[in-house]
Amino acid sequence: MVLQKRQGIAMDIWKTNGFSISTNKEHLDMDVVHHFLSHEAYWSKGIAKETVIKSIEHTALCFGVYKGEVDHGRSHQVGFARVISDLATFAYLSDVFILPEYRKLGLSKWLMDIISNHHELQEVRRFMLATNDAHSLYQKYGFEEISNPERLMQKVRRSPYQE
């Protein structure tokens, strides 16, 4: 792992088997992230690129997954996840994906292992996510169904990318 700093926030890089994961937002390929979220992801179809960019700018930790060495500029993005958090009491895992042609290589498990063990998230008490189809993956990292879902509430505003 390589550790860098930007504005007091640690930026990490992990490498294995020709792939890299980085928390440096400057490495993110916004075209790749936006294309997947707006065309492939069931939770955000049609989302505007400006909205994706704003969400990333205001997210505590973003994890880009890359084929190649991201810190040497010889890579392309193949996955993404972001953790919306105050880095103290609450975190929400969002927008997790690996591009279809890079699935079945263990990248999602590697990404989840890195997120689950990230030093900035070790004291977070409540870590949440929502998924339609990846329960078995997340259960391996300690996520479980909410015991009292009736306590949760939401406020949903209509937006152009909601189904």
C-alpha atoms as a PDB file:
ATOM      1  CA  MET A   1       0.000   0.000   0.000  1.00  0.00           C
ATOM      2  CA  VAL A   2       1.226   3.489  -0.902  1.00  0.00           C
ATOM      3  CA  LEU A   3       0.019   6.387   1.256  1.00  0.00           C
ATOM      4  CA  GLN A   4      -0.292   9.971   0.027  1.00  0.00           C
ATOM      5  CA  LYS A   5      -2.039  12.990   1.586  1.00  0.00           C
ATOM      6  CA  ARG A   6      -4.276  15.688   0.131  1.00  0.00           C
ATOM      7  CA  GLN A   7      -5.842  18.362   2.316  1.00  0.00           C
ATOM      8  CA  GLY A   8      -5.399  16.225   5.430  1.00  0.00           C
ATOM      9  CA  ILE A   9      -7.115  13.196   3.878  1.00  0.00           C
ATOM     10  CA  ALA A  10      -5.015  10.092   3.356  1.00  0.00           C
ATOM     11  CA  MET A  11      -4.993   8.757  -0.206  1.00  0.00           C
ATOM     12  CA  ASP A  12      -4.157   5.089  -0.441  1.00  0.00           C
ATOM     13  CA  ILE A  13      -3.153   2.831  -3.315  1.00  0.00           C
ATOM     14  CA  TRP A  14      -3.322  -0.976  -3.253  1.00  0.00           C
ATOM     15  CA  LYS A  15      -1.984  -3.237  -6.008  1.00  0.00           C
ATOM     16  CA  THR A  16      -2.391  -6.895  -6.916  1.00  0.00           C
ATOM     17  CA  ASN A  17      -2.311  -9.048 -10.052  1.00  0.00           C
ATOM     18  CA  GLY A  18      -2.138  -6.149 -12.503  1.00  0.00           C
ATOM     19  CA  PHE A  19      -4.902  -4.110 -10.822  1.00  0.00           C
ATOM     20  CA  SER A  20      -4.881  -1.073  -8.523  1.00  0.00           C
ATOM     21  CA  ILE A  21      -7.332   0.520  -6.130  1.00  0.00           C
ATOM     22  CA  SER A  22      -6.907   4.167  -5.189  1.00  0.00           C
ATOM     23  CA  THR A  23      -8.762   6.647  -3.008  1.00  0.00           C
ATOM     24  CA  ASN A  24      -7.299   9.568  -4.950  1.00  0.00           C
ATOM     25  CA  LYS A  25     -10.285  11.230  -6.647  1.00  0.00           C
ATOM     26  CA  GLU A  26      -7.969  12.801  -9.217  1.00  0.00           C
ATOM     27  CA  HIS A  27      -7.472   9.348 -10.783  1.00  0.00           C
ATOM     28  CA  LEU A  28     -11.201   8.787 -11.325  1.00  0.00           C
ATOM     29  CA  ASP A  29     -12.425   8.661 -14.916  1.00  0.00           C
ATOM     30  CA  MET A  30     -15.691  10.558 -14.623  1.00  0.00           C
ATOM     31  CA  ASP A  31     -16.782   9.364 -18.065  1.00  0.00           C
ATOM     32  CA  VAL A  32     -16.524   5.714 -16.967  1.00  0.00           C
ATOM     33  CA  VAL A  33     -18.278   6.339 -13.635  1.00  0.00           C
ATOM     34  CA  HIS A  34     -21.030   8.417 -15.206  1.00  0.00           C
ATOM     35  CA  HIS A  35     -21.605   5.994 -18.084  1.00  0.00           C
ATOM     36  CA  PHE A  36     -22.007   3.021 -15.756  1.00  0.00           C
ATOM     37  CA  LEU A  37     -24.231   4.853 -13.288  1.00  0.00           C
ATOM     38  CA  SER A  38     -26.441   6.425 -15.956  1.00  0.00           C
ATOM     39  CA  HIS A  39     -26.733   3.413 -18.290  1.00  0.00           C
ATOM     40  CA  GLU A  40     -26.064   0.218 -16.325  1.00  0.00           C
ATOM     41  CA  ALA A  41     -26.902   0.735 -12.637  1.00  0.00           C
ATOM     42  CA  TYR A  42     -30.531   0.029 -11.693  1.00  0.00           C
ATOM     43  CA  TRP A  43     -30.400   2.663  -8.937  1.00  0.00           C
ATOM     44  CA  SER A  44     -29.344   5.673 -11.015  1.00  0.00           C
ATOM     45  CA  LYS A  45     -30.324   5.244 -14.670  1.00  0.00           C
ATOM     46  CA  GLY A  46     -30.307   8.584 -16.447  1.00  0.00           C
ATOM     47  CA  ILE A  47     -28.396  10.444 -13.740  1.00  0.00           C
ATOM     48  CA  ALA A  48     -26.772  13.638 -15.017  1.00  0.00           C
ATOM     49  CA  LYS A  49     -22.985  13.790 -15.205  1.00  0.00           C
ATOM     50  CA  GLU A  50     -22.996  17.024 -13.187  1.00  0.00           C
ATOM     51  CA  THR A  51     -24.845  15.182 -10.392  1.00  0.00           C
ATOM     52  CA  VAL A  52     -22.301  12.343 -10.404  1.00  0.00           C
ATOM     53  CA  ILE A  53     -19.425  14.826 -10.234  1.00  0.00           C
ATOM     54  CA  LYS A  54     -21.052  16.758  -7.376  1.00  0.00           C
ATOM     55  CA  SER A  55     -21.745  13.536  -5.448  1.00  0.00           C
ATOM     56  CA  ILE A  56     -18.102  12.480  -5.749  1.00  0.00           C
ATOM     57  CA  GLU A  57     -16.799  15.916  -4.752  1.00  0.00           C
ATOM     58  CA  HIS A  58     -18.852  15.749  -1.539  1.00  0.00           C
ATOM     59  CA  THR A  59     -18.089  12.128  -0.634  1.00  0.00           C
ATOM     60  CA  ALA A  60     -15.579  11.333   2.111  1.00  0.00           C
ATOM     61  CA  LEU A  61     -13.966   8.327   0.423  1.00  0.00           C
ATOM     62  CA  CYS A  62     -14.108   7.191  -3.196  1.00  0.00           C
ATOM     63  CA  PHE A  63     -12.450   3.978  -4.343  1.00  0.00           C
ATOM     64  CA  GLY A  64     -11.472   3.623  -7.989  1.00  0.00           C
ATOM     65  CA  VAL A  65     -10.546   0.181  -9.297  1.00  0.00           C
ATOM     66  CA  TYR A  66      -8.087   0.201 -12.198  1.00  0.00           C
ATOM     67  CA  LYS A  67      -6.500  -2.257 -14.603  1.00  0.00           C
ATOM     68  CA  GLY A  68      -2.822  -1.364 -14.465  1.00  0.00           C
ATOM     69  CA  GLU A  69      -0.783   0.893 -12.210  1.00  0.00           C
ATOM     70  CA  VAL A  70      -2.913   3.936 -11.450  1.00  0.00           C
ATOM     71  CA  ASP A  71      -0.079   5.840  -9.771  1.00  0.00           C
ATOM     72  CA  HIS A  72       2.069   5.592 -12.902  1.00  0.00           C
ATOM     73  CA  GLY A  73      -0.614   6.708 -15.364  1.00  0.00           C
ATOM     74  CA  ARG A  74      -0.744   3.346 -17.116  1.00  0.00           C
ATOM     75  CA  SER A  75      -4.248   2.248 -16.206  1.00  0.00           C
ATOM     76  CA  HIS A  76      -7.920   2.455 -17.020  1.00  0.00           C
ATOM     77  CA  GLN A  77     -10.827   2.406 -14.606  1.00  0.00           C
ATOM     78  CA  VAL A  78     -12.836  -0.808 -14.248  1.00  0.00           C
ATOM     79  CA  GLY A  79     -14.722  -0.258 -10.984  1.00  0.00           C
ATOM     80  CA  PHE A  80     -15.838   2.200  -8.353  1.00  0.00           C
ATOM     81  CA  ALA A  81     -17.384   2.610  -4.902  1.00  0.00           C
ATOM     82  CA  ARG A  82     -17.952   5.538  -2.620  1.00  0.00           C
ATOM     83  CA  VAL A  83     -18.450   5.801   1.120  1.00  0.00           C
ATOM     84  CA  ILE A  84     -20.588   8.717   2.241  1.00  0.00           C
ATOM     85  CA  SER A  85     -19.503   9.335   5.822  1.00  0.00           C
ATOM     86  CA  ASP A  86     -18.503  11.653   8.633  1.00  0.00           C
ATOM     87  CA  LEU A  87     -15.663   9.130   9.267  1.00  0.00           C
ATOM     88  CA  ALA A  88     -16.652   8.960  12.922  1.00  0.00           C
ATOM     89  CA  THR A  89     -20.179   7.639  13.521  1.00  0.00           C
ATOM     90  CA  PHE A  90     -21.910   6.821  10.229  1.00  0.00           C
ATOM     91  CA  ALA A  91     -21.077   5.540   6.757  1.00  0.00           C
ATOM     92  CA  TYR A  92     -23.165   4.597   3.732  1.00  0.00           C
ATOM     93  CA  LEU A  93     -21.689   2.471   0.938  1.00  0.00           C
ATOM     94  CA  SER A  94     -22.956   3.562  -2.461  1.00  0.00           C
ATOM     95  CA  ASP A  95     -22.495   3.239  -6.231  1.00  0.00           C
ATOM     96  CA  VAL A  96     -20.451   0.032  -6.062  1.00  0.00           C
ATOM     97  CA  PHE A  97     -19.647  -1.524  -9.435  1.00  0.00           C
ATOM     98  CA  ILE A  98     -17.152  -3.527 -11.434  1.00  0.00           C
ATOM     99  CA  LEU A  99     -17.518  -3.266 -15.211  1.00  0.00           C
ATOM    100  CA  PRO A 100     -19.090  -6.453 -16.652  1.00  0.00           C
ATOM    101  CA  GLU A 101     -15.991  -7.533 -18.578  1.00  0.00           C
ATOM    102  CA  TYR A 102     -13.932  -7.495 -15.329  1.00  0.00           C
ATOM    103  CA  ARG A 103     -16.346  -9.462 -13.146  1.00  0.00           C
ATOM    104  CA  LYS A 104     -15.531 -12.937 -11.847  1.00  0.00           C
ATOM    105  CA  LEU A 105     -11.905 -11.906 -11.194  1.00  0.00           C
ATOM    106  CA  GLY A 106     -12.348 -11.332  -7.454  1.00  0.00           C
ATOM    107  CA  LEU A 107     -12.228  -7.542  -7.819  1.00  0.00           C
ATOM    108  CA  SER A 108     -15.474  -6.898  -5.942  1.00  0.00           C
ATOM    109  CA  LYS A 109     -14.248  -9.013  -3.020  1.00  0.00           C
ATOM    110  CA  TRP A 110     -10.880  -7.239  -3.052  1.00  0.00           C
ATOM    111  CA  LEU A 111     -12.647  -3.865  -3.153  1.00  0.00           C
ATOM    112  CA  MET A 112     -14.922  -4.817  -0.245  1.00  0.00           C
ATOM    113  CA  ASP A 113     -11.978  -6.107   1.765  1.00  0.00           C
ATOM    114  CA  ILE A 114     -10.173  -2.801   1.308  1.00  0.00           C
ATOM    115  CA  ILE A 115     -13.267  -0.748   2.171  1.00  0.00           C
ATOM    116  CA  SER A 116     -14.069  -2.907   5.222  1.00  0.00           C
ATOM    117  CA  ASN A 117     -10.532  -2.575   6.559  1.00  0.00           C
ATOM    118  CA  HIS A 118      -9.869   1.045   5.595  1.00  0.00           C
ATOM    119  CA  HIS A 119      -8.213   2.867   8.488  1.00  0.00           C
ATOM    120  CA  GLU A 120     -10.561   5.888   8.213  1.00  0.00           C
ATOM    121  CA  LEU A 121     -13.629   3.664   8.729  1.00  0.00           C
ATOM    122  CA  GLN A 122     -12.546   1.505  11.659  1.00  0.00           C
ATOM    123  CA  GLU A 123     -14.364   3.529  14.324  1.00  0.00           C
ATOM    124  CA  VAL A 124     -17.572   4.038  12.363  1.00  0.00           C
ATOM    125  CA  ARG A 125     -20.362   2.460  14.373  1.00  0.00           C
ATOM    126  CA  ARG A 126     -23.165   2.303  11.798  1.00  0.00           C
ATOM    127  CA  PHE A 127     -22.231   1.303   8.247  1.00  0.00           C
ATOM    128  CA  MET A 128     -25.160   0.902   5.882  1.00  0.00           C
ATOM    129  CA  LEU A 129     -25.916   0.098   2.264  1.00  0.00           C
ATOM    130  CA  ALA A 130     -28.823  -0.844   0.039  1.00  0.00           C
ATOM    131  CA  THR A 131     -28.684  -3.627  -2.531  1.00  0.00           C
ATOM    132  CA  ASN A 132     -31.095  -5.373  -4.820  1.00  0.00           C
ATOM    133  CA  ASP A 133     -28.997  -8.410  -5.665  1.00  0.00           C
ATOM    134  CA  ALA A 134     -25.617  -8.611  -3.884  1.00  0.00           C
ATOM    135  CA  HIS A 135     -26.614  -9.655  -0.366  1.00  0.00           C
ATOM    136  CA  SER A 136     -24.264 -12.653  -0.302  1.00  0.00           C
ATOM    137  CA  LEU A 137     -21.240 -10.487  -1.173  1.00  0.00           C
ATOM    138  CA  TYR A 138     -21.941  -7.904   1.525  1.00  0.00           C
ATOM    139  CA  GLN A 139     -22.783 -10.502   4.181  1.00  0.00           C
ATOM    140  CA  LYS A 140     -19.202 -11.789   3.877  1.00  0.00           C
ATOM    141  CA  TYR A 141     -18.071  -8.365   5.147  1.00  0.00           C
ATOM    142  CA  GLY A 142     -20.361  -8.195   8.157  1.00  0.00           C
ATOM    143  CA  PHE A 143     -23.387  -6.484   6.634  1.00  0.00           C
ATOM    144  CA  GLU A 144     -26.721  -7.936   7.696  1.00  0.00           C
ATOM    145  CA  GLU A 145     -30.388  -7.227   7.199  1.00  0.00           C
ATOM    146  CA  ILE A 146     -31.740  -4.382   9.303  1.00  0.00           C
ATOM    147  CA  SER A 147     -33.341  -5.833  12.427  1.00  0.00           C
ATOM    148  CA  ASN A 148     -35.920  -3.053  12.826  1.00  0.00           C
ATOM    149  CA  PRO A 149     -36.597  -1.633   9.367  1.00  0.00           C
ATOM    150  CA  GLU A 150     -39.741   0.049  10.673  1.00  0.00           C
ATOM    151  CA  ARG A 151     -37.487   2.551  12.449  1.00  0.00           C
ATOM    152  CA  LEU A 152     -36.006   3.780   9.183  1.00  0.00           C
ATOM    153  CA  MET A 153     -37.612   6.565   7.246  1.00  0.00           C
ATOM    154  CA  GLN A 154     -36.834   8.227   3.961  1.00  0.00           C
ATOM    155  CA  LYS A 155     -37.711  11.315   2.020  1.00  0.00           C
ATOM    156  CA  VAL A 156     -37.691  10.747  -1.721  1.00  0.00           C
ATOM    157  CA  ARG A 157     -37.853  13.609  -4.179  1.00  0.00           C
ATOM    158  CA  ARG A 158     -38.799  12.967  -7.774  1.00  0.00           C
ATOM    159  CA  SER A 159     -35.853  13.272 -10.100  1.00  0.00           C
ATOM    160  CA  PRO A 160     -35.329  12.607 -13.789  1.00  0.00           C
ATOM    161  CA  TYR A 161     -33.284   9.442 -13.213  1.00  0.00           C
ATOM    162  CA  GLN A 162     -35.722   7.591 -10.939  1.00  0.00           C
ATOM    163  CA  GLU A 163     -37.707   4.717 -12.354  1.00  0.00           C
END
